[in-house]
N, C-alpha and C. Protein backbone atom coordinates (compact mmCIF):
# COMPACT_ATOMS: atom_id res chain seq x y z
N MET A 1 -36.62 -88.88 2.11
CA MET A 1 -35.84 -87.70 1.92
C MET A 1 -35.86 -87.15 0.53
N PHE A 2 -35.99 -88.15 -0.50
CA PHE A 2 -36.19 -87.73 -1.88
C PHE A 2 -37.42 -86.82 -2.18
N VAL A 3 -38.44 -87.36 -1.54
CA VAL A 3 -39.71 -86.43 -1.53
C VAL A 3 -39.53 -85.09 -1.10
N ILE A 4 -38.99 -84.85 -0.01
CA ILE A 4 -38.78 -83.54 0.61
C ILE A 4 -37.82 -82.76 -0.14
N ARG A 5 -36.74 -83.44 -0.70
CA ARG A 5 -35.72 -82.75 -1.48
C ARG A 5 -36.39 -82.16 -2.80
N LYS A 6 -37.15 -83.09 -3.39
CA LYS A 6 -37.78 -82.65 -4.63
C LYS A 6 -38.74 -81.53 -4.38
N ALA A 7 -39.47 -81.62 -3.24
CA ALA A 7 -40.41 -80.42 -3.03
C ALA A 7 -39.69 -79.01 -2.68
N ILE A 8 -38.44 -79.13 -2.20
CA ILE A 8 -37.71 -78.11 -1.77
C ILE A 8 -37.26 -77.41 -3.20
N ILE A 9 -36.82 -78.42 -4.10
CA ILE A 9 -36.28 -77.89 -5.50
C ILE A 9 -37.54 -77.26 -6.21
N ASP A 10 -38.56 -77.83 -6.24
CA ASP A 10 -39.81 -77.47 -7.02
C ASP A 10 -40.33 -76.02 -6.41
N TYR A 11 -40.31 -75.99 -5.06
CA TYR A 11 -40.75 -74.71 -4.35
C TYR A 11 -39.70 -73.59 -4.86
N THR A 12 -38.41 -73.91 -4.72
CA THR A 12 -37.43 -72.82 -4.96
C THR A 12 -37.46 -72.32 -6.47
N LEU A 13 -37.61 -73.16 -7.36
CA LEU A 13 -37.81 -72.93 -8.89
C LEU A 13 -38.88 -72.03 -8.96
N ASP A 14 -40.07 -72.50 -8.40
CA ASP A 14 -41.33 -71.80 -8.79
C ASP A 14 -41.41 -70.48 -8.01
N LYS A 15 -40.93 -70.34 -6.79
CA LYS A 15 -40.98 -69.07 -6.11
C LYS A 15 -39.75 -68.18 -6.20
N GLU A 16 -38.78 -68.66 -6.75
CA GLU A 16 -37.45 -68.06 -6.95
C GLU A 16 -36.87 -67.63 -5.60
N LYS A 17 -37.18 -68.50 -4.60
CA LYS A 17 -36.57 -68.39 -3.29
C LYS A 17 -36.78 -69.72 -2.66
N ALA A 18 -35.89 -70.02 -1.66
CA ALA A 18 -35.95 -71.22 -1.02
C ALA A 18 -37.00 -71.11 0.14
N PRO A 19 -37.62 -72.23 0.53
CA PRO A 19 -38.62 -72.29 1.52
C PRO A 19 -37.77 -71.91 2.89
N GLN A 20 -38.60 -71.25 3.73
CA GLN A 20 -37.92 -70.84 5.07
C GLN A 20 -38.02 -71.98 6.08
N SER A 21 -38.86 -72.94 5.87
CA SER A 21 -39.22 -73.98 6.74
C SER A 21 -39.93 -75.13 6.01
N LEU A 22 -40.08 -76.38 6.58
CA LEU A 22 -40.76 -77.51 5.94
C LEU A 22 -42.21 -77.02 5.94
N GLN A 23 -42.67 -76.37 7.00
CA GLN A 23 -44.00 -75.92 7.06
C GLN A 23 -44.50 -75.15 5.69
N ASP A 24 -43.51 -74.30 5.24
CA ASP A 24 -43.84 -73.59 3.91
C ASP A 24 -44.22 -74.52 2.78
N LEU A 25 -43.61 -75.70 2.82
CA LEU A 25 -43.83 -76.69 1.71
C LEU A 25 -45.22 -77.25 1.94
N ILE A 26 -45.64 -77.35 3.08
CA ILE A 26 -47.06 -77.96 3.38
C ILE A 26 -48.02 -76.75 3.06
N ASN A 27 -47.70 -75.62 3.52
CA ASN A 27 -48.64 -74.40 3.39
C ASN A 27 -48.94 -74.18 1.90
N GLU A 28 -47.96 -74.34 1.07
CA GLU A 28 -47.94 -74.09 -0.34
C GLU A 28 -48.33 -75.30 -1.19
N HIS A 29 -48.63 -76.43 -0.58
CA HIS A 29 -49.11 -77.71 -1.15
C HIS A 29 -48.07 -78.41 -1.93
N TYR A 30 -46.85 -78.11 -1.65
CA TYR A 30 -45.72 -79.00 -2.18
C TYR A 30 -45.59 -80.37 -1.45
N LEU A 31 -46.11 -80.48 -0.14
CA LEU A 31 -46.15 -81.62 0.65
C LEU A 31 -47.51 -81.69 1.27
N ARG A 32 -47.97 -82.82 1.58
CA ARG A 32 -49.28 -82.91 2.32
C ARG A 32 -48.96 -82.90 3.75
N GLU A 33 -47.76 -83.56 4.19
CA GLU A 33 -47.27 -83.54 5.46
C GLU A 33 -45.81 -83.85 5.36
N VAL A 34 -44.99 -83.51 6.55
CA VAL A 34 -43.54 -83.91 6.49
C VAL A 34 -43.64 -85.42 6.78
N PRO A 35 -42.84 -86.18 5.90
CA PRO A 35 -42.73 -87.56 6.02
C PRO A 35 -41.96 -87.88 7.24
N THR A 36 -42.12 -89.15 7.62
CA THR A 36 -41.54 -89.67 8.95
C THR A 36 -40.08 -90.21 8.37
N ASP A 37 -39.12 -89.86 9.21
CA ASP A 37 -37.65 -90.34 8.92
C ASP A 37 -37.65 -91.64 9.24
N PRO A 38 -37.31 -92.58 8.41
CA PRO A 38 -37.41 -94.00 8.63
C PRO A 38 -36.38 -94.36 9.57
N PHE A 39 -35.33 -93.70 9.86
CA PHE A 39 -34.30 -94.10 10.74
C PHE A 39 -34.57 -93.62 12.25
N THR A 40 -35.33 -92.61 12.33
CA THR A 40 -35.77 -92.14 13.81
C THR A 40 -37.15 -92.43 14.13
N GLY A 41 -37.99 -92.70 12.94
CA GLY A 41 -39.43 -93.03 13.38
C GLY A 41 -40.09 -91.67 13.65
N ASN A 42 -39.45 -90.55 13.53
CA ASN A 42 -40.07 -89.23 13.70
C ASN A 42 -40.13 -88.29 12.54
N LYS A 43 -40.77 -87.22 12.65
CA LYS A 43 -40.71 -86.24 11.56
C LYS A 43 -39.65 -85.20 12.05
N ASP A 44 -38.46 -85.55 12.24
CA ASP A 44 -37.37 -84.71 13.01
C ASP A 44 -36.29 -84.44 11.93
N TRP A 45 -36.62 -84.22 10.69
CA TRP A 45 -35.63 -83.90 9.69
C TRP A 45 -34.74 -82.65 10.13
N VAL A 46 -33.46 -82.68 9.72
CA VAL A 46 -32.57 -81.49 10.01
C VAL A 46 -32.46 -80.77 8.70
N SER A 47 -32.86 -79.50 8.68
CA SER A 47 -32.86 -78.71 7.60
C SER A 47 -31.46 -78.04 7.46
N VAL A 48 -31.00 -78.03 6.15
CA VAL A 48 -29.67 -77.33 5.96
C VAL A 48 -29.86 -76.17 5.08
N GLY A 49 -29.36 -74.92 5.39
CA GLY A 49 -29.65 -73.79 4.84
C GLY A 49 -29.03 -73.48 3.49
N ASP A 50 -29.76 -72.42 2.68
CA ASP A 50 -29.40 -72.18 1.56
C ASP A 50 -29.29 -70.64 1.42
N THR A 51 -28.25 -70.07 0.77
CA THR A 51 -28.06 -68.59 0.74
C THR A 51 -27.86 -68.31 -0.66
N THR A 52 -28.03 -69.15 -1.67
CA THR A 52 -27.90 -68.94 -3.08
C THR A 52 -28.78 -67.88 -3.65
N LEU A 53 -30.12 -67.90 -3.23
CA LEU A 53 -31.03 -66.99 -3.72
C LEU A 53 -31.48 -66.06 -2.82
N GLY A 54 -30.72 -65.54 -1.71
CA GLY A 54 -31.01 -64.55 -0.72
C GLY A 54 -30.69 -65.13 0.65
N PRO A 55 -31.11 -64.45 1.55
CA PRO A 55 -30.86 -64.75 2.94
C PRO A 55 -31.69 -65.92 3.37
N GLY A 56 -31.03 -66.97 4.03
CA GLY A 56 -31.82 -68.03 4.56
C GLY A 56 -32.50 -68.99 3.69
N GLY A 57 -33.23 -69.81 4.23
CA GLY A 57 -34.09 -70.82 3.47
C GLY A 57 -33.37 -72.08 3.52
N ILE A 58 -33.99 -73.13 2.99
CA ILE A 58 -33.68 -74.58 3.14
C ILE A 58 -33.38 -75.03 1.82
N ALA A 59 -32.04 -75.63 1.83
CA ALA A 59 -31.63 -76.22 0.52
C ALA A 59 -31.74 -77.57 0.42
N THR A 60 -31.79 -78.33 1.60
CA THR A 60 -31.90 -79.86 1.67
C THR A 60 -32.30 -80.20 3.08
N VAL A 61 -32.36 -81.46 3.30
CA VAL A 61 -32.62 -81.98 4.63
C VAL A 61 -31.67 -83.35 4.78
N HIS A 62 -31.58 -83.59 5.88
CA HIS A 62 -30.93 -84.97 6.22
C HIS A 62 -31.45 -85.59 7.44
N SER A 63 -31.26 -86.91 7.69
CA SER A 63 -31.83 -87.50 8.90
C SER A 63 -31.20 -87.04 10.16
N ALA A 64 -31.90 -87.15 11.25
CA ALA A 64 -31.53 -86.65 12.59
C ALA A 64 -30.94 -87.90 13.24
N SER A 65 -30.83 -89.02 12.64
CA SER A 65 -30.38 -90.17 13.33
C SER A 65 -28.79 -90.06 13.40
N GLY A 66 -28.33 -90.59 14.48
CA GLY A 66 -26.93 -90.84 14.79
C GLY A 66 -26.47 -92.10 14.36
N GLN A 67 -27.27 -92.90 13.68
CA GLN A 67 -26.65 -94.31 13.21
C GLN A 67 -25.82 -94.19 11.98
N VAL A 68 -24.99 -95.28 11.80
CA VAL A 68 -24.10 -95.28 10.73
C VAL A 68 -24.55 -96.40 9.70
N GLY A 69 -24.35 -96.08 8.49
CA GLY A 69 -24.74 -97.03 7.47
C GLY A 69 -23.68 -98.07 7.19
N SER A 70 -23.84 -98.96 6.31
CA SER A 70 -22.88 -100.02 6.02
C SER A 70 -21.77 -99.53 5.33
N ASN A 71 -21.77 -98.34 4.80
CA ASN A 71 -20.57 -97.72 4.16
C ASN A 71 -19.88 -96.85 5.25
N ARG A 72 -20.26 -96.98 6.45
CA ARG A 72 -19.60 -96.22 7.60
C ARG A 72 -19.66 -94.88 7.60
N SER A 73 -20.67 -94.29 6.82
CA SER A 73 -21.14 -92.87 7.00
C SER A 73 -22.36 -92.68 7.84
N ALA A 74 -22.26 -91.71 8.58
CA ALA A 74 -23.48 -91.42 9.31
C ALA A 74 -24.63 -91.04 8.52
N TYR A 75 -25.86 -91.43 8.95
CA TYR A 75 -27.06 -91.20 8.25
C TYR A 75 -27.35 -89.72 8.23
N ASP A 76 -26.79 -88.88 9.12
CA ASP A 76 -27.01 -87.51 9.32
C ASP A 76 -26.13 -86.74 8.23
N THR A 77 -25.33 -87.40 7.57
CA THR A 77 -24.55 -86.67 6.47
C THR A 77 -25.13 -87.08 5.06
N TRP A 78 -26.16 -87.89 4.89
CA TRP A 78 -26.60 -88.34 3.59
C TRP A 78 -27.53 -87.21 2.94
């Protein structure tokens, strides 16, 4: 998750707009591939929108897992 979030921040700062999809991060060489979510075992991250720098775009991602951590918060809220 940290790697994807850093790539989103770097892309947004460089391009002065948020990426529209995770594929944008790959196309522009901020990521080689979308990492596997360790909780689901898939590349099924949930994108959270950003409207700060204009319409749409991704601000962050979180796990698609429905599991709950030891602190009783769902992984999909991290």
